[in-house]
């Protein structure tokens, strides 16, 4: 996956151009701006479920690639992958490219959730805020 100049999520044409370049000749398991918006929705839902305030979201990242069980293929399988990062007040596309999935059972293949493979990375600031929210809830006597 190649690093690109950070592209703001509001720049629809810029995001689609970068993803079209990353998709290459691929026609299946490709990404577009709508996929990136869905990634942002997933990450924001996760951060809100952890009670992380918005000011602590900066630095959080998420990577996604479409994933299939490639045991039936006799060749490496390619898919498009992308990584987003939260800036001070907006989300940015920071890398995208083709990702190869192999059938080697000894190689670590990404964790699969349905047809998508997601990796979420919380910043230390977000982790600290989630711990603080949990401690507040415990002090109030709420059970989880």
Foldseek 3Di string as FASTA:
>chain_A
DDWDDWDFLVCQVVQQVQQCVQCDPPDPQGDGSVVVVVVVVVQVVVLVVLVFDPQQQAFKKKKKGFDDQCLVPPDKDKHKMWMWGDHRDGIITTDIHIDTHDNPPVDDDADDDDGMGMDIGGDPSSVVRSVVVVVVCVVVVDDD
